[in-house]
Protein backbone atom coordinates (compact mmCIF):
# COMPACT_ATOMS: atom_id res chain seq x y z
CA MET A 1 61.30 0.71 152.62
CA ALA A 2 59.19 3.18 150.71
CA ASN A 3 60.36 1.67 147.38
CA ALA A 4 59.00 -1.74 148.34
CA ILE A 5 55.68 -0.29 149.49
CA ASP A 6 55.33 2.03 146.48
CA GLY A 7 56.17 -0.86 144.15
CA LEU A 8 53.15 -2.98 145.06
CA PRO A 9 51.40 -4.32 141.97
CA GLU A 10 48.43 -2.09 141.08
CA PRO A 11 45.90 -4.97 141.00
CA LEU A 12 46.86 -5.77 144.60
CA ALA A 13 47.04 -2.19 145.85
CA SER A 14 43.74 -1.18 144.25
CA ARG A 15 41.87 -4.00 146.03
CA MET A 16 43.05 -3.01 149.49
CA SER A 17 40.36 -1.29 151.48
CA ASN A 18 40.74 0.95 154.53
CA VAL A 19 44.35 0.01 155.38
CA ALA A 20 47.10 2.22 156.81
CA ILE A 21 50.73 1.13 156.41
CA SER A 22 53.29 2.40 158.88
CA VAL A 23 56.87 1.77 159.94
CA GLN A 24 57.86 1.45 163.57
CA ASP A 25 61.37 0.89 164.96
CA LEU A 26 60.57 -2.21 167.04
CA PRO A 27 57.49 -4.13 168.17
CA GLY A 28 55.80 -2.55 171.20
CA ASP A 29 54.81 -4.14 174.48
CA ASP A 30 51.77 -5.82 172.88
CA GLU A 31 54.02 -7.67 170.43
CA ALA A 32 56.97 -8.14 172.81
CA GLY A 33 56.49 -11.91 172.87
CA ASP A 34 57.83 -12.04 169.31
CA SER A 35 60.98 -9.93 169.39
CA GLN A 36 61.87 -10.96 165.82
CA LEU A 37 58.54 -9.87 164.35
CA LEU A 38 59.05 -8.26 160.93
CA GLY A 39 55.50 -7.08 160.30
CA LEU A 40 52.03 -7.16 161.79
CA TYR A 41 48.49 -6.92 160.39
CA GLU A 42 45.82 -5.64 162.76
CA GLY A 43 42.25 -5.39 161.59
CA ILE A 44 39.31 -7.23 160.11
CA PRO A 45 40.17 -9.19 156.95
CA LEU A 46 38.07 -8.44 153.88
CA THR A 47 36.63 -11.97 154.03
CA GLU A 48 35.15 -11.25 157.47
CA ARG A 49 33.62 -7.83 156.80
CA ASP A 50 29.89 -7.54 156.46
CA GLY A 51 28.00 -5.29 154.07
CA ASN A 52 27.77 -2.51 156.67
CA TYR A 53 31.51 -1.98 157.12
CA SER A 54 31.83 1.78 157.33
CA GLY A 55 32.87 4.44 159.78
CA VAL A 56 35.59 2.26 161.34
CA LEU A 57 39.25 3.02 161.86
CA PRO A 58 41.53 1.67 159.15
CA ASP A 59 43.16 -1.72 159.45
CA ARG A 60 46.84 -1.34 160.15
CA ILE A 61 49.94 -2.96 158.74
CA THR A 62 53.11 -2.17 160.67
CA LEU A 63 56.62 -2.94 159.49
CA PHE A 64 59.33 -3.19 162.15
CA LYS A 65 62.34 -1.40 160.72
CA ARG A 66 65.09 -2.57 163.09
CA ASN A 67 64.04 -6.23 162.88
CA LEU A 68 63.93 -6.05 159.09
CA GLU A 69 67.38 -4.42 158.99
CA LEU A 70 68.82 -7.06 161.34
CA ALA A 71 67.34 -9.90 159.27
CA ALA A 72 68.60 -8.54 155.93
CA ASP A 73 71.99 -9.14 154.35
CA GLY A 74 72.46 -5.68 152.88
CA PRO A 75 70.31 -3.05 151.11
CA ARG A 76 69.07 -5.25 148.25
CA ASP A 77 68.11 -8.03 150.61
CA LEU A 78 66.37 -5.47 152.86
CA GLU A 79 64.21 -4.25 149.99
CA LYS A 80 63.32 -7.86 149.09
CA LEU A 81 62.54 -8.70 152.72
CA VAL A 82 60.36 -5.60 153.14
CA ARG A 83 58.45 -6.50 149.97
CA GLU A 84 57.92 -10.10 151.14
CA THR A 85 56.81 -8.91 154.57
CA ILE A 86 54.34 -6.34 153.23
CA ILE A 87 52.86 -8.91 150.83
CA HIS A 88 52.57 -11.38 153.73
CA GLU A 89 50.69 -8.81 155.83
CA ILE A 90 48.49 -7.76 152.90
CA ALA A 91 47.58 -11.42 152.45
CA HIS A 92 46.21 -11.35 156.00
CA HIS A 93 44.12 -8.31 155.00
CA PHE A 94 42.65 -10.45 152.22
CA GLY A 95 41.86 -13.23 154.68
CA ILE A 96 44.75 -15.58 153.90
CA ASP A 97 46.02 -17.18 157.11
CA ASP A 98 49.56 -18.34 157.95
CA ASP A 99 48.79 -22.00 157.15
CA ARG A 100 47.68 -21.09 153.63
CA LEU A 101 50.64 -18.74 153.20
CA GLU A 102 52.92 -21.63 154.12
CA GLU A 103 51.21 -23.83 151.53
CA LEU A 104 51.81 -21.09 148.95
CA GLY A 105 55.44 -20.70 149.94
CA TRP A 106 55.03 -17.30 151.63
CA ASP A 107 55.74 -18.41 155.19
């Protein structure tokens, strides 16, 4: 999973602001309604931040390791799926919602 995260394009990675990326085995009780959840963005998208956005905890992107492993067809597919999931969650950080992601083919 680290390869997919470390391999983010520099223009994308350098524009991320105040975001922590972590890996968790499975979704917790808060996300239990979606047992197949691969990743989750929690925070305030860049498009919704005002000019006085400082002193706040980082936004958080969580990848769910077991769900990603179960959804993948082997190691290469896992790396591809992790990369797609992290890009999907980063898109939310940039203010791109699921409807727009679907239009772009990233659903």
